[in-house]
Amino acid sequence: MKNKTKGIIRKLIYFVLIGICIYAFIYIGNKYADNGEVKSITINDYYTGLKYDNYEVVNATELINLLRKGNNIIFIGSNKNEWSIKYMEEIDIIFKNYDVDKVYYYDLVNDKAQKNSNYYKIISLLEGYLVSTDSSDNNLFAPALYIVNDGKVVFNNIDTVAMRNEDTIDDYWTKDVELLFQTELSHALLNYYLNN
């Protein structure tokens, strides 16, 4: 009888342990189910307080496709760069006023740091519209704004990328410069984007 009782107790213990394992598996699976979902990155992950809400964050591969075809407004920035943050504030007002349907945002920090193949493809597609320095003619810096029609850059503004070492943001972005920039970008939107 003792062996029979031991066998029953052993089976009961195995049954309870299997039940606990199944319960733990289900509990942990439900608790961490959200971790398996791919989180979509939005512009608010980079910048806060924006009024215009039609920004779409793109990765390098998507940016390459946008540079090759279509009628697109592309802002290349870096939320770690105070000049990009100020530039974003300036264009945000203009895009909201003109009710632009979509602006694509590309954050260049990771690809530029890695100097990967996508980074060099972007540079080749924007050749002639990049910053020249002593060491190279093709430097992709932030902030940079491009309007592209069917694979051709029809408007670009990279004015403030060269200002980072010479002026402070407040010294550069005076009311006159803001007005001039708003006029230039408004003109570009009307001529190269909204009428196409």
Protein backbone atom coordinates (compact mmCIF):
# COMPACT_ATOMS: atom_id res chain seq x y z
CA MET A 1 0.00 0.00 0.00
CA LYS A 2 2.83 2.35 0.70
CA ASN A 3 4.17 2.02 -2.86
CA LYS A 4 0.71 2.62 -4.29
CA THR A 5 0.26 5.71 -2.08
CA LYS A 6 3.69 7.00 -3.04
CA GLY A 7 2.83 6.55 -6.72
CA ILE A 8 -0.44 8.47 -6.32
CA ILE A 9 1.26 11.25 -4.36
CA ARG A 10 4.04 11.45 -6.99
CA LYS A 11 1.47 11.68 -9.81
CA LEU A 12 -0.45 14.32 -7.88
CA ILE A 13 2.74 16.36 -7.36
CA TYR A 14 3.60 16.05 -11.08
CA PHE A 15 0.08 17.12 -12.01
CA VAL A 16 0.27 20.18 -9.70
CA LEU A 17 3.74 21.12 -11.01
CA ILE A 18 2.59 20.82 -14.62
CA GLY A 19 -0.44 22.98 -13.78
CA ILE A 20 1.79 25.61 -12.15
CA CYS A 21 4.09 25.64 -15.21
CA ILE A 22 1.14 26.05 -17.59
CA TYR A 23 -0.29 28.85 -15.46
CA ALA A 24 3.13 30.59 -15.28
CA PHE A 25 3.57 30.27 -19.05
CA ILE A 26 0.14 31.83 -19.71
CA TYR A 27 0.64 34.56 -17.08
CA ILE A 28 4.08 35.59 -18.36
CA GLY A 29 2.91 35.42 -21.98
CA ASN A 30 0.03 37.79 -21.26
CA LYS A 31 2.11 40.11 -19.10
CA TYR A 32 4.76 40.64 -21.76
CA ALA A 33 2.57 40.37 -24.86
CA ASP A 34 3.00 44.09 -25.65
CA ASN A 35 6.78 43.73 -25.89
CA GLY A 36 6.43 41.73 -29.09
CA GLU A 37 4.57 44.49 -30.89
CA VAL A 38 6.58 46.79 -33.12
CA LYS A 39 6.10 50.35 -31.90
CA SER A 40 5.55 52.86 -34.64
CA ILE A 41 7.79 55.90 -34.18
CA THR A 42 6.07 59.25 -34.49
CA ILE A 43 7.40 62.78 -34.74
CA ASN A 44 6.47 63.27 -31.08
CA ASP A 45 9.17 60.75 -30.19
CA TYR A 46 11.66 63.32 -31.53
CA TYR A 47 10.03 66.73 -30.99
CA THR A 48 7.33 67.98 -28.64
CA GLY A 49 4.83 70.81 -28.86
CA LEU A 50 4.32 70.73 -32.63
CA LYS A 51 1.14 72.28 -34.05
CA TYR A 52 1.20 70.61 -37.48
CA ASP A 53 0.44 66.91 -37.20
CA ASN A 54 1.08 65.50 -40.68
CA TYR A 55 4.68 64.44 -40.18
CA GLU A 56 5.63 60.90 -41.06
CA VAL A 57 8.85 59.49 -39.66
CA VAL A 58 10.74 57.44 -42.25
CA ASN A 59 13.80 55.24 -42.09
CA ALA A 60 16.73 55.42 -44.52
CA THR A 61 15.27 52.92 -47.01
CA GLU A 62 11.97 54.83 -47.14
CA LEU A 63 13.85 58.12 -47.54
CA ILE A 64 15.80 56.72 -50.49
CA ASN A 65 12.51 55.78 -52.18
CA LEU A 66 11.06 59.25 -51.48
CA LEU A 67 14.13 60.90 -53.00
CA ARG A 68 13.78 58.81 -56.15
CA LYS A 69 10.11 59.42 -56.96
CA GLY A 70 7.05 61.45 -56.14
CA ASN A 71 6.41 64.98 -54.96
CA ASN A 72 7.70 65.06 -51.40
CA ILE A 73 8.77 67.43 -48.67
CA ILE A 74 11.59 65.95 -46.63
CA PHE A 75 13.08 67.31 -43.44
CA ILE A 76 16.35 65.76 -42.34
CA GLY A 77 16.97 66.48 -38.70
CA SER A 78 18.41 65.41 -35.42
CA ASN A 79 16.49 65.94 -32.23
CA LYS A 80 19.83 66.05 -30.41
CA ASN A 81 20.80 69.17 -32.37
CA GLU A 82 19.41 72.47 -31.06
CA TRP A 83 19.48 73.95 -34.57
CA SER A 84 17.19 71.15 -35.80
CA ILE A 85 14.81 71.74 -32.92
CA LYS A 86 14.56 75.46 -33.73
CA TYR A 87 14.26 74.75 -37.46
CA MET A 88 11.43 72.30 -36.76
CA GLU A 89 9.61 74.99 -34.77
CA GLU A 90 9.96 77.40 -37.72
CA ILE A 91 8.73 75.01 -40.41
CA ASP A 92 5.97 73.67 -38.18
CA ILE A 93 4.19 77.03 -38.26
CA ILE A 94 4.49 77.36 -42.02
CA PHE A 95 3.29 73.82 -42.79
CA LYS A 96 0.27 74.28 -40.53
CA ASN A 97 -0.61 77.60 -42.21
CA TYR A 98 -0.44 76.06 -45.69
CA ASP A 99 -2.15 72.83 -44.66
CA VAL A 100 0.53 70.71 -46.33
CA ASP A 101 -0.71 67.13 -46.55
CA LYS A 102 2.53 65.37 -45.50
CA VAL A 103 6.11 66.12 -44.49
CA TYR A 104 8.53 63.23 -44.20
CA TYR A 105 10.98 63.36 -41.32
CA TYR A 106 14.26 61.47 -41.33
CA ASP A 107 16.50 61.47 -38.27
CA LEU A 108 20.03 60.99 -39.55
CA VAL A 109 21.80 60.28 -36.24
CA ASN A 110 22.06 56.48 -36.41
CA ASP A 111 22.86 56.11 -40.11
CA LYS A 112 25.41 58.92 -40.03
CA ALA A 113 27.14 57.44 -36.98
CA GLN A 114 27.31 54.02 -38.64
CA LYS A 115 28.22 55.42 -42.10
CA ASN A 116 26.25 52.52 -43.55
CA SER A 117 25.34 51.93 -47.18
CA ASN A 118 21.99 53.72 -46.85
CA TYR A 119 23.77 56.83 -45.63
CA TYR A 120 25.98 56.83 -48.73
CA LYS A 121 22.98 56.24 -51.02
CA ILE A 122 21.25 59.27 -49.49
CA ILE A 123 24.38 61.34 -50.03
CA SER A 124 24.58 60.27 -53.67
CA LEU A 125 20.91 61.13 -54.27
CA LEU A 126 21.38 64.59 -52.71
CA GLU A 127 24.69 65.29 -54.41
CA GLY A 128 24.98 68.97 -55.17
CA TYR A 129 22.59 69.90 -52.36
CA LEU A 130 24.80 69.10 -49.40
CA VAL A 131 27.24 71.07 -47.27
CA SER A 132 30.82 71.51 -48.43
CA THR A 133 33.57 71.49 -45.83
CA ASP A 134 37.35 71.52 -46.04
CA SER A 135 37.48 67.73 -46.02
CA SER A 136 34.59 66.87 -48.35
CA ASP A 137 32.02 68.29 -50.71
CA ASN A 138 29.25 65.92 -49.67
CA ASN A 139 28.33 66.22 -46.03
CA LEU A 140 24.83 65.49 -44.81
CA PHE A 141 24.06 67.62 -41.79
CA ALA A 142 20.92 68.61 -39.95
CA PRO A 143 18.75 70.55 -40.30
CA ALA A 144 18.07 70.27 -44.01
CA LEU A 145 14.82 70.72 -45.89
CA TYR A 146 14.19 69.41 -49.40
CA ILE A 147 11.29 69.47 -51.83
CA VAL A 148 11.72 66.69 -54.36
CA ASN A 149 9.73 66.20 -57.57
CA ASP A 150 10.19 62.93 -59.46
CA GLY A 151 13.71 62.31 -58.23
CA LYS A 152 14.94 65.90 -58.60
CA VAL A 153 15.55 68.35 -55.78
CA VAL A 154 13.62 71.49 -56.72
CA PHE A 155 14.14 73.33 -53.43
CA ASN A 156 16.51 72.94 -50.56
CA ASN A 157 17.42 74.90 -47.48
CA ILE A 158 20.56 74.01 -45.58
CA ASP A 159 21.34 77.54 -44.40
CA THR A 160 21.55 76.86 -40.69
CA VAL A 161 23.78 73.78 -40.77
CA ALA A 162 26.82 76.00 -41.29
CA MET A 163 25.76 78.41 -38.53
CA ARG A 164 26.20 75.99 -35.66
CA ASN A 165 29.77 77.03 -34.90
CA GLU A 166 29.51 80.76 -35.60
CA ASP A 167 26.28 82.08 -34.05
CA THR A 168 23.92 81.20 -31.30
CA ILE A 169 20.39 80.28 -32.28
CA ASP A 170 18.99 83.51 -30.84
CA ASP A 171 21.60 85.59 -32.67
CA TYR A 172 20.79 83.91 -35.98
CA TRP A 173 16.98 83.57 -35.81
CA THR A 174 16.05 87.23 -35.57
CA LYS A 175 12.58 88.40 -36.55
CA ASP A 176 13.93 89.55 -39.93
CA VAL A 177 15.51 86.14 -40.62
CA GLU A 178 12.30 84.37 -39.56
CA LEU A 179 10.26 86.57 -41.92
CA LEU A 180 12.72 85.99 -44.78
CA PHE A 181 12.67 82.24 -44.15
CA GLN A 182 8.85 82.16 -44.01
CA THR A 183 8.70 84.06 -47.31
CA GLU A 184 11.25 81.76 -48.97
CA LEU A 185 9.56 78.56 -47.79
CA SER A 186 6.06 79.86 -48.63
CA HIS A 187 7.25 80.70 -52.14
CA ALA A 188 8.81 77.24 -52.52
CA LEU A 189 5.65 75.50 -51.29
CA LEU A 190 3.46 77.42 -53.71
CA ASN A 191 5.76 76.93 -56.71
CA TYR A 192 7.12 73.42 -56.21
CA TYR A 193 4.71 71.52 -54.06
CA LEU A 194 1.14 72.78 -53.76
CA ASN A 195 0.69 73.52 -57.49
CA ASN A 196 1.90 70.09 -58.64
